[in-house]
Amino acid sequence: MKAQLEAARQAAGEAISVFYDPRQNAEHATDLQRSHRLRGEMASLMQRAEAGAGQHRPPTATEPEEWVSFERRADAFFGA
């Protein structure tokens, strides 16, 4: 997704600060928000992997619900 967004930015000749601001780039806002959410999910999974297997931490109240849901699905899939 990052490569696709960057190719679109270069084709449009937009500045990075304008293109990657979903408030200024309505055409790609959904993709930008999805990319940001996926980066957050990846960071969360990496933190869990670094913490080690078997050390499950419950979701905190500050995590967005979609991350909590994603973590529950990951736990079910990977058998945690």
PDB file of N, CA and C in Angstrom:
ATOM      1  N   MET A   1       0.830  -1.183   0.000  1.00  0.00           N
ATOM      2  CA  MET A   1       0.000   0.000   0.000  1.00  0.00           C
ATOM      3  C   MET A   1       0.877   1.249   0.000  1.00  0.00           C
ATOM      4  N   LYS A   2       1.957   1.225   0.769  1.00  0.00           N
ATOM      5  CA  LYS A   2       2.835   2.390   0.829  1.00  0.00           C
ATOM      6  C   LYS A   2       3.399   2.706  -0.553  1.00  0.00           C
ATOM      7  N   ALA A   3       3.808   1.675  -1.282  1.00  0.00           N
ATOM      8  CA  ALA A   3       4.362   1.881  -2.620  1.00  0.00           C
ATOM      9  C   ALA A   3       3.315   2.464  -3.568  1.00  0.00           C
ATOM     10  N   GLN A   4       2.082   1.989  -3.449  1.00  0.00           N
ATOM     11  CA  GLN A   4       1.004   2.511  -4.293  1.00  0.00           C
ATOM     12  C   GLN A   4       0.729   3.981  -3.992  1.00  0.00           C
ATOM     13  N   LEU A   5       0.683   4.314  -2.715  1.00  0.00           N
ATOM     14  CA  LEU A   5       0.439   5.704  -2.334  1.00  0.00           C
ATOM     15  C   LEU A   5       1.575   6.604  -2.798  1.00  0.00           C
ATOM     16  N   GLU A   6       2.803   6.129  -2.646  1.00  0.00           N
ATOM     17  CA  GLU A   6       3.942   6.941  -3.062  1.00  0.00           C
ATOM     18  C   GLU A   6       3.958   7.125  -4.572  1.00  0.00           C
ATOM     19  N   ALA A   7       3.611   6.094  -5.326  1.00  0.00           N
ATOM     20  CA  ALA A   7       3.532   6.221  -6.788  1.00  0.00           C
ATOM     21  C   ALA A   7       2.455   7.232  -7.177  1.00  0.00           C
ATOM     22  N   ALA A   8       1.316   7.193  -6.489  1.00  0.00           N
ATOM     23  CA  ALA A   8       0.245   8.157  -6.764  1.00  0.00           C
ATOM     24  C   ALA A   8       0.690   9.572  -6.424  1.00  0.00           C
ATOM     25  N   ARG A   9       1.432   9.726  -5.328  1.00  0.00           N
ATOM     26  CA  ARG A   9       1.925  11.045  -4.941  1.00  0.00           C
ATOM     27  C   ARG A   9       2.876  11.600  -5.988  1.00  0.00           C
ATOM     28  N   GLN A  10       3.790  10.756  -6.445  1.00  0.00           N
ATOM     29  CA  GLN A  10       4.755  11.212  -7.437  1.00  0.00           C
ATOM     30  C   GLN A  10       4.071  11.534  -8.764  1.00  0.00           C
ATOM     31  N   ALA A  11       3.092  10.726  -9.156  1.00  0.00           N
ATOM     32  CA  ALA A  11       2.365  10.977 -10.405  1.00  0.00           C
ATOM     33  C   ALA A  11       1.594  12.293 -10.332  1.00  0.00           C
ATOM     34  N   ALA A  12       1.086  12.606  -9.141  1.00  0.00           N
ATOM     35  CA  ALA A  12       0.329  13.849  -8.968  1.00  0.00           C
ATOM     36  C   ALA A  12       1.245  15.052  -8.770  1.00  0.00           C
ATOM     37  N   GLY A  13       2.521  14.805  -8.464  1.00  0.00           N
ATOM     38  CA  GLY A  13       3.455  15.896  -8.227  1.00  0.00           C
ATOM     39  C   GLY A  13       3.156  16.665  -6.954  1.00  0.00           C
ATOM     40  N   GLU A  14       2.519  16.008  -5.985  1.00  0.00           N
ATOM     41  CA  GLU A  14       2.142  16.648  -4.727  1.00  0.00           C
ATOM     42  C   GLU A  14       3.297  16.616  -3.726  1.00  0.00           C
ATOM     43  N   ALA A  15       3.343  17.624  -2.892  1.00  0.00           N
ATOM     44  CA  ALA A  15       4.297  17.639  -1.784  1.00  0.00           C
ATOM     45  C   ALA A  15       3.893  16.567  -0.771  1.00  0.00           C
ATOM     46  N   ILE A  16       4.871  16.006  -0.098  1.00  0.00           N
ATOM     47  CA  ILE A  16       4.612  14.954   0.883  1.00  0.00           C
ATOM     48  C   ILE A  16       3.630  15.430   1.947  1.00  0.00           C
ATOM     49  N   SER A  17       3.844  16.640   2.448  1.00  0.00           N
ATOM     50  CA  SER A  17       2.998  17.148   3.535  1.00  0.00           C
ATOM     51  C   SER A  17       1.547  17.324   3.107  1.00  0.00           C
ATOM     52  N   VAL A  18       1.308  17.575   1.843  1.00  0.00           N
ATOM     53  CA  VAL A  18      -0.064  17.742   1.348  1.00  0.00           C
ATOM     54  C   VAL A  18      -0.673  16.381   1.024  1.00  0.00           C
ATOM     55  N   PHE A  19       0.056  15.554   0.300  1.00  0.00           N
ATOM     56  CA  PHE A  19      -0.491  14.270  -0.148  1.00  0.00           C
ATOM     57  C   PHE A  19      -0.838  13.356   1.021  1.00  0.00           C
ATOM     58  N   TYR A  20       0.029  13.289   2.025  1.00  0.00           N
ATOM     59  CA  TYR A  20      -0.187  12.362   3.131  1.00  0.00           C
ATOM     60  C   TYR A  20      -1.058  12.927   4.245  1.00  0.00           C
ATOM     61  N   ASP A  21      -1.674  14.063   4.031  1.00  0.00           N
ATOM     62  CA  ASP A  21      -2.631  14.627   4.984  1.00  0.00           C
ATOM     63  C   ASP A  21      -4.033  14.296   4.490  1.00  0.00           C
ATOM     64  N   PRO A  22      -4.734  13.352   5.158  1.00  0.00           N
ATOM     65  CA  PRO A  22      -6.054  12.942   4.665  1.00  0.00           C
ATOM     66  C   PRO A  22      -7.075  14.080   4.623  1.00  0.00           C
ATOM     67  N   ARG A  23      -6.836  15.138   5.398  1.00  0.00           N
ATOM     68  CA  ARG A  23      -7.761  16.284   5.353  1.00  0.00           C
ATOM     69  C   ARG A  23      -7.593  17.081   4.073  1.00  0.00           C
ATOM     70  N   GLN A  24      -6.408  17.026   3.480  1.00  0.00           N
ATOM     71  CA  GLN A  24      -6.154  17.768   2.252  1.00  0.00           C
ATOM     72  C   GLN A  24      -6.224  16.894   1.006  1.00  0.00           C
ATOM     73  N   ASN A  25      -6.277  15.592   1.175  1.00  0.00           N
ATOM     74  CA  ASN A  25      -6.271  14.673   0.050  1.00  0.00           C
ATOM     75  C   ASN A  25      -7.452  13.720   0.164  1.00  0.00           C
ATOM     76  N   ALA A  26      -8.624  14.227  -0.153  1.00  0.00           N
ATOM     77  CA  ALA A  26      -9.850  13.433  -0.013  1.00  0.00           C
ATOM     78  C   ALA A  26      -9.838  12.201  -0.909  1.00  0.00           C
ATOM     79  N   GLU A  27      -9.182  12.294  -2.055  1.00  0.00           N
ATOM     80  CA  GLU A  27      -9.160  11.175  -3.002  1.00  0.00           C
ATOM     81  C   GLU A  27      -8.507   9.929  -2.400  1.00  0.00           C
ATOM     82  N   HIS A  28      -7.472  10.120  -1.610  1.00  0.00           N
ATOM     83  CA  HIS A  28      -6.734   8.986  -1.032  1.00  0.00           C
ATOM     84  C   HIS A  28      -6.894   8.888   0.484  1.00  0.00           C
ATOM     85  N   ALA A  29      -7.818   9.624   1.058  1.00  0.00           N
ATOM     86  CA  ALA A  29      -7.967   9.670   2.518  1.00  0.00           C
ATOM     87  C   ALA A  29      -8.211   8.285   3.119  1.00  0.00           C
ATOM     88  N   THR A  30      -9.068   7.492   2.502  1.00  0.00           N
ATOM     89  CA  THR A  30      -9.364   6.157   3.032  1.00  0.00           C
ATOM     90  C   THR A  30      -8.120   5.287   3.037  1.00  0.00           C
ATOM     91  N   ASP A  31      -7.362   5.317   1.943  1.00  0.00           N
ATOM     92  CA  ASP A  31      -6.133   4.525   1.870  1.00  0.00           C
ATOM     93  C   ASP A  31      -5.094   5.004   2.875  1.00  0.00           C
ATOM     94  N   LEU A  32      -5.000   6.322   3.055  1.00  0.00           N
ATOM     95  CA  LEU A  32      -4.049   6.868   4.021  1.00  0.00           C
ATOM     96  C   LEU A  32      -4.400   6.441   5.437  1.00  0.00           C
ATOM     97  N   GLN A  33      -5.674   6.497   5.777  1.00  0.00           N
ATOM     98  CA  GLN A  33      -6.110   6.094   7.117  1.00  0.00           C
ATOM     99  C   GLN A  33      -5.917   4.598   7.314  1.00  0.00           C
ATOM    100  N   ARG A  34      -6.185   3.810   6.282  1.00  0.00           N
ATOM    101  CA  ARG A  34      -5.986   2.358   6.374  1.00  0.00           C
ATOM    102  C   ARG A  34      -4.503   2.047   6.570  1.00  0.00           C
ATOM    103  N   SER A  35      -3.641   2.715   5.827  1.00  0.00           N
ATOM    104  CA  SER A  35      -2.207   2.503   5.965  1.00  0.00           C
ATOM    105  C   SER A  35      -1.741   2.829   7.383  1.00  0.00           C
ATOM    106  N   HIS A  36      -2.236   3.930   7.926  1.00  0.00           N
ATOM    107  CA  HIS A  36      -1.876   4.321   9.289  1.00  0.00           C
ATOM    108  C   HIS A  36      -2.363   3.274  10.303  1.00  0.00           C
ATOM    109  N   ARG A  37      -3.589   2.794  10.126  1.00  0.00           N
ATOM    110  CA  ARG A  37      -4.145   1.784  11.028  1.00  0.00           C
ATOM    111  C   ARG A  37      -3.344   0.487  10.945  1.00  0.00           C
ATOM    112  N   LEU A  38      -2.987   0.072   9.734  1.00  0.00           N
ATOM    113  CA  LEU A  38      -2.219  -1.155   9.573  1.00  0.00           C
ATOM    114  C   LEU A  38      -0.832  -1.046  10.201  1.00  0.00           C
ATOM    115  N   ARG A  39      -0.219   0.147  10.093  1.00  0.00           N
ATOM    116  CA  ARG A  39       1.079   0.357  10.756  1.00  0.00           C
ATOM    117  C   ARG A  39       0.935   0.203  12.263  1.00  0.00           C
ATOM    118  N   GLY A  40      -0.153   0.725  12.809  1.00  0.00           N
ATOM    119  CA  GLY A  40      -0.397   0.590  14.242  1.00  0.00           C
ATOM    120  C   GLY A  40      -0.602  -0.856  14.651  1.00  0.00           C
ATOM    121  N   GLU A  41      -1.351  -1.603  13.840  1.00  0.00           N
ATOM    122  CA  GLU A  41      -1.566  -3.020  14.125  1.00  0.00           C
ATOM    123  C   GLU A  41      -0.253  -3.782  14.054  1.00  0.00           C
ATOM    124  N   MET A  42       0.569  -3.463  13.059  1.00  0.00           N
ATOM    125  CA  MET A  42       1.850  -4.137  12.923  1.00  0.00           C
ATOM    126  C   MET A  42       2.741  -3.840  14.128  1.00  0.00           C
ATOM    127  N   ALA A  43       2.775  -2.601  14.562  1.00  0.00           N
ATOM    128  CA  ALA A  43       3.574  -2.241  15.735  1.00  0.00           C
ATOM    129  C   ALA A  43       3.083  -2.980  16.971  1.00  0.00           C
ATOM    130  N   SER A  44       1.772  -3.093  17.117  1.00  0.00           N
ATOM    131  CA  SER A  44       1.202  -3.809  18.257  1.00  0.00           C
ATOM    132  C   SER A  44       1.598  -5.281  18.230  1.00  0.00           C
ATOM    133  N   LEU A  45       1.518  -5.889  17.066  1.00  0.00           N
ATOM    134  CA  LEU A  45       1.895  -7.299  16.941  1.00  0.00           C
ATOM    135  C   LEU A  45       3.382  -7.507  17.198  1.00  0.00           C
ATOM    136  N   MET A  46       4.199  -6.576  16.736  1.00  0.00           N
ATOM    137  CA  MET A  46       5.635  -6.692  16.967  1.00  0.00           C
ATOM    138  C   MET A  46       5.956  -6.571  18.458  1.00  0.00           C
ATOM    139  N   GLN A  47       5.266  -5.676  19.153  1.00  0.00           N
ATOM    140  CA  GLN A  47       5.479  -5.547  20.594  1.00  0.00           C
ATOM    141  C   GLN A  47       5.093  -6.829  21.307  1.00  0.00           C
ATOM    142  N   ARG A  48       3.989  -7.422  20.882  1.00  0.00           N
ATOM    143  CA  ARG A  48       3.553  -8.678  21.500  1.00  0.00           C
ATOM    144  C   ARG A  48       4.545  -9.791  21.224  1.00  0.00           C
ATOM    145  N   ALA A  49       5.086  -9.838  20.005  1.00  0.00           N
ATOM    146  CA  ALA A  49       6.057 -10.873  19.660  1.00  0.00           C
ATOM    147  C   ALA A  49       7.336 -10.698  20.470  1.00  0.00           C
ATOM    148  N   GLU A  50       7.760  -9.458  20.641  1.00  0.00           N
ATOM    149  CA  GLU A  50       8.972  -9.193  21.415  1.00  0.00           C
ATOM    150  C   GLU A  50       8.778  -9.535  22.887  1.00  0.00           C
ATOM    151  N   ALA A  51       7.573  -9.388  23.381  1.00  0.00           N
ATOM    152  CA  ALA A  51       7.307  -9.689  24.790  1.00  0.00           C
ATOM    153  C   ALA A  51       7.413 -11.187  25.053  1.00  0.00           C
ATOM    154  N   GLY A  52       7.287 -11.993  24.025  1.00  0.00           N
ATOM    155  CA  GLY A  52       7.450 -13.434  24.173  1.00  0.00           C
ATOM    156  C   GLY A  52       6.128 -14.165  24.170  1.00  0.00           C
ATOM    157  N   ALA A  53       6.199 -15.396  23.759  1.00  0.00           N
ATOM    158  CA  ALA A  53       5.011 -16.248  23.703  1.00  0.00           C
ATOM    159  C   ALA A  53       4.521 -16.564  25.108  1.00  0.00           C
ATOM    160  N   GLY A  54       3.238 -16.658  25.259  1.00  0.00           N
ATOM    161  CA  GLY A  54       2.656 -17.020  26.541  1.00  0.00           C
ATOM    162  C   GLY A  54       2.515 -15.866  27.514  1.00  0.00           C
ATOM    163  N   GLN A  55       2.925 -14.689  27.124  1.00  0.00           N
ATOM    164  CA  GLN A  55       2.798 -13.532  28.005  1.00  0.00           C
ATOM    165  C   GLN A  55       1.732 -12.602  27.461  1.00  0.00           C
ATOM    166  N   HIS A  56       0.528 -13.111  27.371  1.00  0.00           N
ATOM    167  CA  HIS A  56      -0.585 -12.332  26.815  1.00  0.00           C
ATOM    168  C   HIS A  56      -0.944 -11.190  27.750  1.00  0.00           C
ATOM    169  N   ARG A  57      -1.092 -10.009  27.168  1.00  0.00           N
ATOM    170  CA  ARG A  57      -1.536  -8.858  27.955  1.00  0.00           C
ATOM    171  C   ARG A  57      -2.946  -8.501  27.504  1.00  0.00           C
ATOM    172  N   PRO A  58      -3.814  -8.194  28.447  1.00  0.00           N
ATOM    173  CA  PRO A  58      -5.173  -7.822  28.067  1.00  0.00           C
ATOM    174  C   PRO A  58      -5.180  -6.463  27.386  1.00  0.00           C
ATOM    175  N   PRO A  59      -6.136  -6.235  26.481  1.00  0.00           N
ATOM    176  CA  PRO A  59      -6.228  -4.919  25.835  1.00  0.00           C
ATOM    177  C   PRO A  59      -6.456  -3.828  26.863  1.00  0.00           C
ATOM    178  N   THR A  60      -5.885  -2.676  26.605  1.00  0.00           N
ATOM    179  CA  THR A  60      -6.079  -1.559  27.511  1.00  0.00           C
ATOM    180  C   THR A  60      -7.230  -0.695  27.026  1.00  0.00           C
ATOM    181  N   ALA A  61      -7.730   0.132  27.900  1.00  0.00           N
ATOM    182  CA  ALA A  61      -8.858   0.998  27.563  1.00  0.00           C
ATOM    183  C   ALA A  61      -8.470   2.056  26.543  1.00  0.00           C
ATOM    184  N   THR A  62      -7.172   2.326  26.379  1.00  0.00           N
ATOM    185  CA  THR A  62      -6.744   3.379  25.447  1.00  0.00           C
ATOM    186  C   THR A  62      -6.574   2.871  24.025  1.00  0.00           C
ATOM    187  N   GLU A  63      -6.631   1.554  23.809  1.00  0.00           N
ATOM    188  CA  GLU A  63      -6.481   1.016  22.462  1.00  0.00           C
ATOM    189  C   GLU A  63      -7.796   1.133  21.703  1.00  0.00           C
ATOM    190  N   PRO A  64      -7.735   1.523  20.425  1.00  0.00           N
ATOM    191  CA  PRO A  64      -8.969   1.586  19.630  1.00  0.00           C
ATOM    192  C   PRO A  64      -9.623   0.216  19.540  1.00  0.00           C
ATOM    193  N   GLU A  65     -10.926   0.188  19.459  1.00  0.00           N
ATOM    194  CA  GLU A  65     -11.677  -1.071  19.445  1.00  0.00           C
ATOM    195  C   GLU A  65     -11.250  -1.972  18.289  1.00  0.00           C
ATOM    196  N   GLU A  66     -10.935  -1.394  17.111  1.00  0.00           N
ATOM    197  CA  GLU A  66     -10.544  -2.261  16.005  1.00  0.00           C
ATOM    198  C   GLU A  66      -9.225  -2.974  16.293  1.00  0.00           C
ATOM    199  N   TRP A  67      -8.324  -2.364  17.093  1.00  0.00           N
ATOM    200  CA  TRP A  67      -7.091  -3.048  17.458  1.00  0.00           C
ATOM    201  C   TRP A  67      -7.394  -4.177  18.422  1.00  0.00           C
ATOM    202  N   VAL A  68      -8.277  -3.931  19.365  1.00  0.00           N
ATOM    203  CA  VAL A  68      -8.657  -4.967  20.322  1.00  0.00           C
ATOM    204  C   VAL A  68      -9.259  -6.141  19.570  1.00  0.00           C
ATOM    205  N   SER A  69     -10.161  -5.834  18.636  1.00  0.00           N
ATOM    206  CA  SER A  69     -10.793  -6.871  17.841  1.00  0.00           C
ATOM    207  C   SER A  69      -9.748  -7.626  17.027  1.00  0.00           C
ATOM    208  N   PHE A  70      -8.822  -6.899  16.419  1.00  0.00           N
ATOM    209  CA  PHE A  70      -7.777  -7.528  15.625  1.00  0.00           C
ATOM    210  C   PHE A  70      -6.928  -8.446  16.495  1.00  0.00           C
ATOM    211  N   GLU A  71      -6.570  -7.987  17.685  1.00  0.00           N
ATOM    212  CA  GLU A  71      -5.758  -8.813  18.569  1.00  0.00           C
ATOM    213  C   GLU A  71      -6.501 -10.071  18.992  1.00  0.00           C
ATOM    214  N   ARG A  72      -7.795  -9.969  19.215  1.00  0.00           N
ATOM    215  CA  ARG A  72      -8.577 -11.167  19.573  1.00  0.00           C
ATOM    216  C   ARG A  72      -8.603 -12.157  18.412  1.00  0.00           C
ATOM    217  N   ARG A  73      -8.762 -11.640  17.189  1.00  0.00           N
ATOM    218  CA  ARG A  73      -8.750 -12.523  16.018  1.00  0.00           C
ATOM    219  C   ARG A  73      -7.379 -13.165  15.851  1.00  0.00           C
ATOM    220  N   ALA A  74      -6.301 -12.385  16.078  1.00  0.00           N
ATOM    221  CA  ALA A  74      -4.952 -12.929  15.974  1.00  0.00           C
ATOM    222  C   ALA A  74      -4.737 -14.013  17.031  1.00  0.00           C
ATOM    223  N   ASP A  75      -5.214 -13.757  18.252  1.00  0.00           N
ATOM    224  CA  ASP A  75      -5.092 -14.756  19.315  1.00  0.00           C
ATOM    225  C   ASP A  75      -5.812 -16.044  18.939  1.00  0.00           C
ATOM    226  N   ALA A  76      -7.012 -15.916  18.379  1.00  0.00           N
ATOM    227  CA  ALA A  76      -7.775 -17.094  17.986  1.00  0.00           C
ATOM    228  C   ALA A  76      -7.061 -17.843  16.872  1.00  0.00           C
ATOM    229  N   PHE A  77      -6.511 -17.104  15.920  1.00  0.00           N
ATOM    230  CA  PHE A  77      -5.824 -17.732  14.797  1.00  0.00           C
ATOM    231  C   PHE A  77      -4.545 -18.429  15.208  1.00  0.00           C
ATOM    232  N   PHE A  78      -3.756 -17.768  16.061  1.00  0.00           N
ATOM    233  CA  PHE A  78      -2.466 -18.309  16.449  1.00  0.00           C
ATOM    234  C   PHE A  78      -2.545 -19.162  17.722  1.00  0.00           C
ATOM    235  N   GLY A  79      -3.734 -19.287  18.287  1.00  0.00           N
ATOM    236  CA  GLY A  79      -3.906 -20.155  19.440  1.00  0.00           C
ATOM    237  C   GLY A  79      -3.357 -19.616  20.733  1.00  0.00           C
ATOM    238  N   ALA A  80      -3.332 -18.301  20.903  1.00  0.00           N
ATOM    239  CA  ALA A  80      -2.802 -17.712  22.137  1.00  0.00           C
ATOM    240  C   ALA A  80      -3.864 -17.705  23.200  1.00  0.00           C
TER     241      ALA A  80
END
